N, C-alpha and C. Protein backbone atom coordinates (compact mmCIF):
# COMPACT_ATOMS: atom_id res chain seq x y z
N MET A 1 22.15 -4.09 -26.91
CA MET A 1 21.86 -5.29 -26.14
C MET A 1 20.40 -5.66 -26.38
N GLN A 2 20.16 -6.88 -26.73
CA GLN A 2 18.81 -7.37 -26.99
C GLN A 2 18.26 -8.01 -25.71
N LEU A 3 17.09 -7.57 -25.30
CA LEU A 3 16.46 -8.10 -24.09
C LEU A 3 15.48 -9.22 -24.45
N SER A 4 15.42 -10.21 -23.62
CA SER A 4 14.40 -11.25 -23.80
C SER A 4 13.04 -10.65 -23.43
N PRO A 5 11.96 -11.23 -23.92
CA PRO A 5 10.63 -10.71 -23.55
C PRO A 5 10.40 -10.68 -22.04
N THR A 6 10.88 -11.68 -21.33
CA THR A 6 10.70 -11.73 -19.88
C THR A 6 11.51 -10.63 -19.19
N THR A 7 12.74 -10.43 -19.65
CA THR A 7 13.57 -9.36 -19.09
C THR A 7 12.94 -8.01 -19.35
N GLU A 8 12.44 -7.81 -20.56
CA GLU A 8 11.78 -6.55 -20.90
C GLU A 8 10.56 -6.31 -20.00
N LYS A 9 9.77 -7.35 -19.80
CA LYS A 9 8.58 -7.23 -18.94
C LYS A 9 8.99 -6.86 -17.52
N TYR A 10 10.04 -7.50 -17.01
CA TYR A 10 10.54 -7.24 -15.66
C TYR A 10 10.96 -5.77 -15.54
N ILE A 11 11.76 -5.30 -16.49
CA ILE A 11 12.27 -3.92 -16.45
C ILE A 11 11.13 -2.92 -16.55
N LEU A 12 10.18 -3.16 -17.44
CA LEU A 12 9.03 -2.25 -17.56
C LEU A 12 8.22 -2.22 -16.27
N HIS A 13 7.99 -3.38 -15.68
CA HIS A 13 7.24 -3.41 -14.42
C HIS A 13 8.00 -2.71 -13.29
N TRP A 14 9.30 -2.93 -13.23
CA TRP A 14 10.12 -2.29 -12.19
C TRP A 14 10.02 -0.76 -12.34
N GLY A 15 9.98 -0.28 -13.56
CA GLY A 15 9.80 1.15 -13.79
C GLY A 15 8.44 1.63 -13.31
N GLU A 16 7.40 0.84 -13.57
CA GLU A 16 6.05 1.20 -13.09
C GLU A 16 6.01 1.21 -11.57
N MET A 17 6.60 0.20 -10.95
CA MET A 17 6.62 0.16 -9.48
C MET A 17 7.42 1.33 -8.93
N GLY A 18 8.50 1.68 -9.60
CA GLY A 18 9.30 2.82 -9.15
C GLY A 18 8.46 4.08 -9.07
N THR A 19 7.63 4.32 -10.07
CA THR A 19 6.80 5.54 -10.03
C THR A 19 5.83 5.50 -8.86
N ARG A 20 5.35 4.32 -8.51
CA ARG A 20 4.44 4.21 -7.36
C ARG A 20 5.17 4.42 -6.03
N TRP A 21 6.47 4.20 -6.03
CA TRP A 21 7.28 4.40 -4.83
C TRP A 21 7.91 5.79 -4.80
N GLY A 22 7.59 6.61 -5.79
CA GLY A 22 8.15 7.96 -5.83
C GLY A 22 9.52 8.04 -6.48
N VAL A 23 9.86 7.03 -7.28
CA VAL A 23 11.14 7.00 -7.97
C VAL A 23 10.88 7.21 -9.46
N ASN A 24 11.71 8.00 -10.09
CA ASN A 24 11.60 8.23 -11.52
C ASN A 24 11.61 6.91 -12.28
N ARG A 25 10.74 6.79 -13.27
CA ARG A 25 10.59 5.55 -14.03
C ARG A 25 11.93 5.11 -14.66
N THR A 26 12.64 6.03 -15.28
CA THR A 26 13.90 5.67 -15.94
C THR A 26 14.94 5.21 -14.92
N VAL A 27 14.99 5.86 -13.77
CA VAL A 27 15.91 5.44 -12.71
C VAL A 27 15.63 3.99 -12.33
N ALA A 28 14.36 3.67 -12.13
CA ALA A 28 13.99 2.31 -11.74
C ALA A 28 14.30 1.31 -12.86
N GLN A 29 14.03 1.69 -14.11
CA GLN A 29 14.30 0.78 -15.22
C GLN A 29 15.79 0.52 -15.37
N ILE A 30 16.60 1.56 -15.23
CA ILE A 30 18.05 1.38 -15.32
C ILE A 30 18.53 0.47 -14.20
N HIS A 31 18.00 0.68 -13.00
CA HIS A 31 18.39 -0.19 -11.89
C HIS A 31 18.05 -1.65 -12.20
N ALA A 32 16.84 -1.88 -12.71
CA ALA A 32 16.44 -3.25 -13.07
C ALA A 32 17.35 -3.83 -14.14
N LEU A 33 17.65 -3.04 -15.16
CA LEU A 33 18.54 -3.51 -16.23
C LEU A 33 19.90 -3.90 -15.68
N LEU A 34 20.48 -3.04 -14.85
CA LEU A 34 21.80 -3.34 -14.29
C LEU A 34 21.75 -4.52 -13.33
N PHE A 35 20.66 -4.64 -12.59
CA PHE A 35 20.51 -5.77 -11.67
C PHE A 35 20.44 -7.09 -12.43
N LEU A 36 19.74 -7.09 -13.53
CA LEU A 36 19.57 -8.32 -14.30
C LEU A 36 20.74 -8.63 -15.23
N SER A 37 21.55 -7.63 -15.54
CA SER A 37 22.65 -7.81 -16.47
C SER A 37 23.74 -8.69 -15.86
N ASN A 38 24.31 -9.53 -16.69
CA ASN A 38 25.38 -10.42 -16.24
C ASN A 38 26.77 -9.83 -16.44
N ARG A 39 26.80 -8.56 -16.84
CA ARG A 39 28.08 -7.86 -17.01
C ARG A 39 27.85 -6.37 -16.82
N PRO A 40 28.91 -5.63 -16.52
CA PRO A 40 28.77 -4.18 -16.39
C PRO A 40 28.37 -3.55 -17.73
N LEU A 41 27.59 -2.48 -17.69
CA LEU A 41 27.14 -1.80 -18.89
C LEU A 41 27.60 -0.35 -18.86
N HIS A 42 27.91 0.21 -20.03
CA HIS A 42 28.25 1.63 -20.10
C HIS A 42 26.99 2.41 -20.47
N ALA A 43 27.04 3.71 -20.26
CA ALA A 43 25.86 4.56 -20.40
C ALA A 43 25.23 4.50 -21.79
N GLU A 44 26.06 4.47 -22.83
CA GLU A 44 25.51 4.42 -24.19
C GLU A 44 24.72 3.13 -24.41
N GLU A 45 25.25 2.03 -23.88
CA GLU A 45 24.56 0.75 -24.02
C GLU A 45 23.23 0.75 -23.27
N ILE A 46 23.22 1.38 -22.11
CA ILE A 46 21.98 1.50 -21.33
C ILE A 46 20.96 2.33 -22.11
N ALA A 47 21.41 3.46 -22.64
CA ALA A 47 20.52 4.35 -23.41
C ALA A 47 19.95 3.63 -24.62
N ASP A 48 20.79 2.92 -25.36
CA ASP A 48 20.34 2.20 -26.54
C ASP A 48 19.37 1.06 -26.18
N THR A 49 19.68 0.34 -25.12
CA THR A 49 18.85 -0.80 -24.73
C THR A 49 17.47 -0.36 -24.28
N LEU A 50 17.41 0.72 -23.52
CA LEU A 50 16.12 1.17 -22.99
C LEU A 50 15.46 2.24 -23.86
N THR A 51 16.15 2.63 -24.93
CA THR A 51 15.71 3.71 -25.83
C THR A 51 15.30 4.96 -25.05
N VAL A 52 16.23 5.44 -24.24
CA VAL A 52 16.04 6.70 -23.52
C VAL A 52 17.22 7.61 -23.83
N ALA A 53 17.02 8.89 -23.63
CA ALA A 53 18.05 9.88 -23.93
C ALA A 53 19.29 9.66 -23.08
N ARG A 54 20.44 9.89 -23.68
CA ARG A 54 21.71 9.71 -22.98
C ARG A 54 21.80 10.62 -21.75
N SER A 55 21.26 11.84 -21.86
CA SER A 55 21.27 12.77 -20.73
C SER A 55 20.42 12.22 -19.58
N ASN A 56 19.30 11.59 -19.91
CA ASN A 56 18.44 10.98 -18.89
C ASN A 56 19.17 9.83 -18.20
N VAL A 57 19.90 9.05 -18.98
CA VAL A 57 20.69 7.95 -18.41
C VAL A 57 21.73 8.49 -17.45
N SER A 58 22.42 9.54 -17.85
CA SER A 58 23.47 10.12 -17.01
C SER A 58 22.90 10.60 -15.68
N THR A 59 21.79 11.32 -15.74
CA THR A 59 21.14 11.81 -14.52
C THR A 59 20.67 10.65 -13.65
N SER A 60 20.11 9.64 -14.27
CA SER A 60 19.60 8.48 -13.55
C SER A 60 20.73 7.69 -12.88
N LEU A 61 21.85 7.55 -13.59
CA LEU A 61 22.99 6.85 -13.02
C LEU A 61 23.53 7.58 -11.79
N LYS A 62 23.55 8.91 -11.85
CA LYS A 62 24.00 9.69 -10.68
C LYS A 62 23.06 9.47 -9.50
N GLU A 63 21.76 9.43 -9.78
CA GLU A 63 20.78 9.18 -8.71
C GLU A 63 20.99 7.80 -8.10
N LEU A 64 21.18 6.79 -8.92
CA LEU A 64 21.40 5.44 -8.42
C LEU A 64 22.70 5.35 -7.62
N GLN A 65 23.73 6.08 -8.04
CA GLN A 65 24.98 6.10 -7.30
C GLN A 65 24.79 6.79 -5.95
N SER A 66 23.97 7.86 -5.92
CA SER A 66 23.76 8.58 -4.65
C SER A 66 23.03 7.69 -3.64
N TRP A 67 22.24 6.74 -4.12
CA TRP A 67 21.55 5.80 -3.23
C TRP A 67 22.47 4.63 -2.86
N GLY A 68 23.61 4.50 -3.54
CA GLY A 68 24.53 3.39 -3.28
C GLY A 68 24.08 2.09 -3.91
N LEU A 69 23.16 2.16 -4.88
CA LEU A 69 22.62 0.95 -5.49
C LEU A 69 23.45 0.43 -6.64
N ILE A 70 24.29 1.29 -7.22
CA ILE A 70 25.17 0.86 -8.31
C ILE A 70 26.57 1.39 -8.04
N ARG A 71 27.51 0.81 -8.73
CA ARG A 71 28.90 1.30 -8.60
C ARG A 71 29.53 1.37 -9.99
N VAL A 72 30.52 2.22 -10.08
CA VAL A 72 31.27 2.38 -11.33
C VAL A 72 32.36 1.32 -11.35
N THR A 73 32.56 0.74 -12.51
CA THR A 73 33.64 -0.22 -12.70
C THR A 73 34.25 0.04 -14.07
N HIS A 74 35.40 -0.52 -14.33
CA HIS A 74 36.06 -0.30 -15.60
C HIS A 74 36.34 -1.64 -16.28
N VAL A 75 36.34 -1.59 -17.60
CA VAL A 75 36.58 -2.78 -18.41
C VAL A 75 37.89 -2.56 -19.15
N LEU A 76 38.75 -3.54 -19.11
CA LEU A 76 40.05 -3.44 -19.76
C LEU A 76 39.89 -3.08 -21.24
N GLY A 77 40.61 -2.06 -21.68
CA GLY A 77 40.58 -1.64 -23.08
C GLY A 77 39.45 -0.68 -23.41
N ASP A 78 38.65 -0.30 -22.43
CA ASP A 78 37.53 0.63 -22.66
C ASP A 78 37.63 1.75 -21.63
N ARG A 79 37.77 2.99 -22.10
CA ARG A 79 37.96 4.11 -21.19
C ARG A 79 36.66 4.58 -20.53
N ARG A 80 35.54 4.12 -21.05
CA ARG A 80 34.25 4.55 -20.49
C ARG A 80 33.99 3.93 -19.12
N ASP A 81 33.19 4.65 -18.34
CA ASP A 81 32.72 4.09 -17.07
C ASP A 81 31.65 3.04 -17.39
N HIS A 82 31.71 1.96 -16.67
CA HIS A 82 30.69 0.91 -16.75
C HIS A 82 30.01 0.84 -15.38
N PHE A 83 28.81 0.33 -15.36
CA PHE A 83 28.03 0.34 -14.12
C PHE A 83 27.50 -1.04 -13.80
N GLN A 84 27.53 -1.35 -12.50
CA GLN A 84 27.03 -2.62 -12.00
C GLN A 84 26.12 -2.33 -10.81
N ALA A 85 25.06 -3.10 -10.70
CA ALA A 85 24.17 -2.99 -9.55
C ALA A 85 24.56 -4.04 -8.52
N HIS A 86 24.27 -3.74 -7.26
CA HIS A 86 24.40 -4.76 -6.23
C HIS A 86 23.53 -5.94 -6.63
N GLN A 87 24.00 -7.13 -6.38
CA GLN A 87 23.26 -8.33 -6.77
C GLN A 87 22.53 -9.00 -5.60
N ASP A 88 22.84 -8.61 -4.40
CA ASP A 88 22.23 -9.20 -3.21
C ASP A 88 20.95 -8.44 -2.88
N VAL A 89 19.78 -9.09 -3.03
CA VAL A 89 18.50 -8.41 -2.81
C VAL A 89 18.36 -7.89 -1.39
N TRP A 90 18.94 -8.58 -0.42
CA TRP A 90 18.87 -8.11 0.96
C TRP A 90 19.68 -6.83 1.14
N GLU A 91 20.83 -6.74 0.48
CA GLU A 91 21.64 -5.52 0.53
C GLU A 91 20.93 -4.38 -0.18
N ILE A 92 20.30 -4.66 -1.31
CA ILE A 92 19.53 -3.64 -2.02
C ILE A 92 18.41 -3.12 -1.13
N PHE A 93 17.68 -4.02 -0.50
CA PHE A 93 16.60 -3.62 0.40
C PHE A 93 17.13 -2.76 1.54
N ARG A 94 18.25 -3.18 2.13
CA ARG A 94 18.85 -2.43 3.24
C ARG A 94 19.25 -1.03 2.80
N LEU A 95 19.88 -0.92 1.63
CA LEU A 95 20.30 0.39 1.12
C LEU A 95 19.10 1.31 0.87
N ILE A 96 18.06 0.75 0.27
CA ILE A 96 16.86 1.55 -0.01
C ILE A 96 16.21 1.99 1.30
N MET A 97 16.09 1.09 2.24
CA MET A 97 15.48 1.44 3.53
C MET A 97 16.29 2.52 4.23
N GLU A 98 17.60 2.38 4.23
CA GLU A 98 18.44 3.36 4.92
C GLU A 98 18.33 4.74 4.27
N GLU A 99 18.34 4.77 2.95
CA GLU A 99 18.23 6.06 2.25
C GLU A 99 16.85 6.68 2.45
N ARG A 100 15.81 5.88 2.40
CA ARG A 100 14.45 6.42 2.61
C ARG A 100 14.33 6.95 4.03
N LYS A 101 14.90 6.23 4.98
CA LYS A 101 14.88 6.69 6.38
C LYS A 101 15.58 8.04 6.48
N LYS A 102 16.77 8.12 5.89
CA LYS A 102 17.57 9.34 5.97
C LYS A 102 16.88 10.51 5.25
N ARG A 103 16.30 10.27 4.09
CA ARG A 103 15.73 11.33 3.27
C ARG A 103 14.31 11.71 3.67
N GLU A 104 13.54 10.75 4.21
CA GLU A 104 12.12 10.99 4.46
C GLU A 104 11.74 10.91 5.93
N LEU A 105 12.09 9.83 6.59
CA LEU A 105 11.62 9.62 7.95
C LEU A 105 12.37 10.46 8.98
N ASP A 106 13.69 10.56 8.87
CA ASP A 106 14.44 11.36 9.83
C ASP A 106 13.99 12.83 9.84
N PRO A 107 13.85 13.48 8.66
CA PRO A 107 13.34 14.87 8.68
C PRO A 107 11.91 14.96 9.25
N THR A 108 11.08 13.97 8.96
CA THR A 108 9.73 13.97 9.49
C THR A 108 9.74 13.87 11.01
N LEU A 109 10.58 12.98 11.54
CA LEU A 109 10.70 12.84 12.99
C LEU A 109 11.18 14.14 13.62
N THR A 110 12.10 14.81 12.98
CA THR A 110 12.60 16.09 13.50
C THR A 110 11.46 17.09 13.62
N VAL A 111 10.66 17.22 12.58
CA VAL A 111 9.54 18.17 12.60
C VAL A 111 8.50 17.76 13.63
N LEU A 112 8.18 16.47 13.70
CA LEU A 112 7.20 16.01 14.69
C LEU A 112 7.68 16.26 16.11
N ARG A 113 8.95 16.07 16.36
CA ARG A 113 9.49 16.35 17.70
C ARG A 113 9.44 17.85 18.00
N GLU A 114 9.74 18.68 17.01
CA GLU A 114 9.62 20.13 17.19
C GLU A 114 8.17 20.52 17.50
N CYS A 115 7.24 19.92 16.77
CA CYS A 115 5.81 20.20 17.01
C CYS A 115 5.41 19.78 18.42
N ALA A 116 5.92 18.64 18.88
CA ALA A 116 5.60 18.17 20.24
C ALA A 116 6.11 19.16 21.28
N LEU A 117 7.30 19.71 21.05
CA LEU A 117 7.85 20.70 21.98
C LEU A 117 7.06 22.01 21.94
N GLU A 118 6.69 22.44 20.75
CA GLU A 118 5.98 23.70 20.58
C GLU A 118 4.52 23.61 21.02
N ALA A 119 3.98 22.39 21.04
CA ALA A 119 2.56 22.21 21.36
C ALA A 119 2.22 22.72 22.76
N GLY A 120 3.16 22.60 23.68
CA GLY A 120 2.91 23.07 25.05
C GLY A 120 2.66 24.56 25.14
N ASN A 121 3.19 25.33 24.20
CA ASN A 121 3.03 26.78 24.21
C ASN A 121 2.00 27.28 23.21
N ASP A 122 1.33 26.38 22.54
CA ASP A 122 0.36 26.75 21.51
C ASP A 122 -1.04 26.71 22.10
N ALA A 123 -1.52 27.86 22.55
CA ALA A 123 -2.84 27.94 23.20
C ALA A 123 -3.98 27.60 22.24
N ALA A 124 -3.76 27.78 20.94
CA ALA A 124 -4.82 27.52 19.97
C ALA A 124 -4.92 26.05 19.58
N LEU A 125 -3.96 25.24 20.02
CA LEU A 125 -3.94 23.82 19.67
C LEU A 125 -4.90 23.05 20.56
N GLU A 126 -5.85 22.38 19.96
CA GLU A 126 -6.81 21.59 20.73
C GLU A 126 -6.16 20.32 21.25
N ALA A 127 -6.63 19.85 22.38
CA ALA A 127 -6.06 18.67 23.02
C ALA A 127 -6.17 17.44 22.12
N ALA A 128 -7.28 17.27 21.42
CA ALA A 128 -7.46 16.11 20.55
C ALA A 128 -6.48 16.15 19.38
N THR A 129 -6.21 17.34 18.87
CA THR A 129 -5.25 17.50 17.77
C THR A 129 -3.85 17.14 18.26
N ARG A 130 -3.50 17.64 19.44
CA ARG A 130 -2.19 17.32 20.00
C ARG A 130 -2.06 15.82 20.24
N ALA A 131 -3.11 15.18 20.70
CA ALA A 131 -3.07 13.73 20.96
C ALA A 131 -2.79 12.97 19.67
N ARG A 132 -3.41 13.40 18.55
CA ARG A 132 -3.14 12.73 17.28
C ARG A 132 -1.70 12.96 16.83
N MET A 133 -1.19 14.17 17.01
CA MET A 133 0.21 14.45 16.67
C MET A 133 1.14 13.57 17.50
N ASP A 134 0.85 13.46 18.80
CA ASP A 134 1.68 12.65 19.69
C ASP A 134 1.62 11.17 19.29
N GLU A 135 0.44 10.73 18.85
CA GLU A 135 0.28 9.33 18.45
C GLU A 135 1.13 9.01 17.21
N VAL A 136 1.16 9.93 16.25
CA VAL A 136 1.99 9.72 15.06
C VAL A 136 3.46 9.70 15.44
N LEU A 137 3.87 10.62 16.30
CA LEU A 137 5.26 10.67 16.75
C LEU A 137 5.63 9.37 17.46
N ALA A 138 4.79 8.91 18.37
CA ALA A 138 5.08 7.68 19.11
C ALA A 138 5.18 6.49 18.15
N PHE A 139 4.27 6.43 17.17
CA PHE A 139 4.29 5.34 16.19
C PHE A 139 5.60 5.33 15.42
N LEU A 140 6.00 6.49 14.88
CA LEU A 140 7.24 6.55 14.09
C LEU A 140 8.47 6.27 14.93
N GLU A 141 8.48 6.70 16.19
CA GLU A 141 9.63 6.41 17.05
C GLU A 141 9.74 4.92 17.33
N ILE A 142 8.62 4.25 17.55
CA ILE A 142 8.63 2.79 17.74
C ILE A 142 9.14 2.11 16.48
N LEU A 143 8.62 2.53 15.34
CA LEU A 143 9.02 1.95 14.07
C LEU A 143 10.52 2.14 13.82
N MET A 144 11.04 3.32 14.10
CA MET A 144 12.47 3.59 13.87
C MET A 144 13.34 2.83 14.85
N ARG A 145 12.89 2.68 16.09
CA ARG A 145 13.67 1.86 17.05
C ARG A 145 13.73 0.41 16.58
N ALA A 146 12.60 -0.10 16.09
CA ALA A 146 12.59 -1.48 15.58
C ALA A 146 13.52 -1.60 14.38
N TYR A 147 13.46 -0.62 13.48
CA TYR A 147 14.35 -0.64 12.32
C TYR A 147 15.81 -0.64 12.77
N ASP A 148 16.16 0.22 13.72
CA ASP A 148 17.54 0.28 14.21
C ASP A 148 17.96 -1.04 14.86
N ASP A 149 17.02 -1.73 15.52
CA ASP A 149 17.33 -3.01 16.14
C ASP A 149 17.63 -4.10 15.11
N PHE A 150 16.94 -4.04 13.97
CA PHE A 150 17.01 -5.13 13.00
C PHE A 150 17.90 -4.86 11.80
N LYS A 151 18.28 -3.63 11.55
CA LYS A 151 18.99 -3.33 10.31
C LYS A 151 20.38 -3.96 10.22
N HIS A 152 20.96 -4.34 11.33
CA HIS A 152 22.31 -4.92 11.30
C HIS A 152 22.30 -6.44 11.28
N LEU A 153 21.12 -7.04 11.30
CA LEU A 153 21.05 -8.50 11.27
C LEU A 153 21.53 -9.03 9.93
N GLU A 154 22.15 -10.19 9.97
CA GLU A 154 22.55 -10.87 8.75
C GLU A 154 21.28 -11.30 7.99
N PRO A 155 21.34 -11.34 6.67
CA PRO A 155 20.14 -11.73 5.90
C PRO A 155 19.52 -13.04 6.34
N ALA A 156 20.32 -14.05 6.63
CA ALA A 156 19.77 -15.34 7.05
C ALA A 156 19.01 -15.20 8.37
N THR A 157 19.55 -14.42 9.29
CA THR A 157 18.88 -14.20 10.57
C THR A 157 17.59 -13.42 10.36
N LEU A 158 17.64 -12.42 9.52
CA LEU A 158 16.45 -11.62 9.23
C LEU A 158 15.37 -12.46 8.56
N GLN A 159 15.76 -13.34 7.67
CA GLN A 159 14.79 -14.23 7.03
C GLN A 159 14.10 -15.12 8.07
N ARG A 160 14.89 -15.68 8.97
CA ARG A 160 14.31 -16.53 10.03
C ARG A 160 13.37 -15.71 10.90
N PHE A 161 13.78 -14.49 11.22
CA PHE A 161 12.94 -13.62 12.05
C PHE A 161 11.62 -13.31 11.35
N LEU A 162 11.67 -12.97 10.07
CA LEU A 162 10.46 -12.63 9.34
C LEU A 162 9.52 -13.83 9.25
N LYS A 163 10.08 -15.00 9.03
CA LYS A 163 9.24 -16.21 8.99
C LYS A 163 8.64 -16.49 10.37
N MET A 164 9.43 -16.28 11.40
CA MET A 164 8.96 -16.50 12.76
C MET A 164 7.89 -15.47 13.14
N GLY A 165 8.01 -14.26 12.63
CA GLY A 165 7.06 -13.20 12.95
C GLY A 165 5.64 -13.57 12.59
N GLY A 166 5.44 -14.20 11.46
CA GLY A 166 4.11 -14.64 11.06
C GLY A 166 3.54 -15.67 12.02
N LYS A 167 4.39 -16.58 12.47
CA LYS A 167 3.94 -17.60 13.42
C LYS A 167 3.56 -16.96 14.75
N ILE A 168 4.33 -15.98 15.18
CA ILE A 168 4.03 -15.29 16.44
C ILE A 168 2.71 -14.53 16.31
N ALA A 169 2.51 -13.87 15.17
CA ALA A 169 1.26 -13.12 14.96
C ALA A 169 0.05 -14.05 15.00
N ARG A 170 0.17 -15.22 14.38
CA ARG A 170 -0.94 -16.17 14.41
C ARG A 170 -1.16 -16.71 15.82
N PHE A 171 -0.07 -16.92 16.56
CA PHE A 171 -0.16 -17.41 17.93
C PHE A 171 -0.85 -16.39 18.83
N LEU A 172 -0.49 -15.13 18.68
CA LEU A 172 -1.07 -14.08 19.52
C LEU A 172 -2.53 -13.83 19.18
N GLY A 173 -2.92 -14.17 17.97
CA GLY A 173 -4.31 -14.00 17.57
C GLY A 173 -4.61 -12.58 17.14
N PRO A 174 -5.88 -12.34 16.79
CA PRO A 174 -6.26 -11.01 16.30
C PRO A 174 -6.20 -9.96 17.40
N ASP A 175 -5.89 -8.75 16.98
CA ASP A 175 -5.87 -7.62 17.89
C ASP A 175 -7.32 -7.31 18.27
N GLU A 176 -7.51 -6.76 19.45
CA GLU A 176 -8.87 -6.42 19.90
C GLU A 176 -9.56 -5.48 18.93
N LYS A 177 -8.83 -4.59 18.29
CA LYS A 177 -9.41 -3.64 17.34
C LYS A 177 -9.97 -4.38 16.13
N ASP A 178 -9.42 -5.56 15.82
CA ASP A 178 -9.90 -6.33 14.68
C ASP A 178 -11.33 -6.82 14.90
N ASP A 179 -11.75 -6.91 16.16
CA ASP A 179 -13.09 -7.41 16.48
C ASP A 179 -14.17 -6.35 16.28
N LEU A 180 -13.79 -5.10 16.10
CA LEU A 180 -14.78 -4.02 15.97
C LEU A 180 -15.51 -4.05 14.66
């Protein structure tokens, strides 16, 4: 498959951004390729297009499937598995957020809650240290409650909310801490 210069630039950048988000570069590039593709692609075609090892493609496809970002499909007359990415950017965002929450934030909240419980019996823990731990826990709990409130909104409603949020922030003005 021959990529246009713009498509190639997009895929390369998506791979760079993936590494900054803690995602393997090849995984991110494959996701970008499948997202931009107008038809399902099989693993050999992905490997040839991106010039990466077939084994790397296989591992990357499994990772993308575990996140729910791609699905297997079949093409009449071809026994190979073909892969398609979700095309709705709001659904992609929702899937990524949900997986990151499950893999990163939920375990962190569990540990922070355990620390909050154990802090009462830890004579060596200074009050200021405990206050900072409690502040992080409170922040993440607020953030997760907000996420739970908004994750089921339809994309159009969420778009309106996000646009409205900026107007509300400007209306409320700067936070007192901003004046320091």
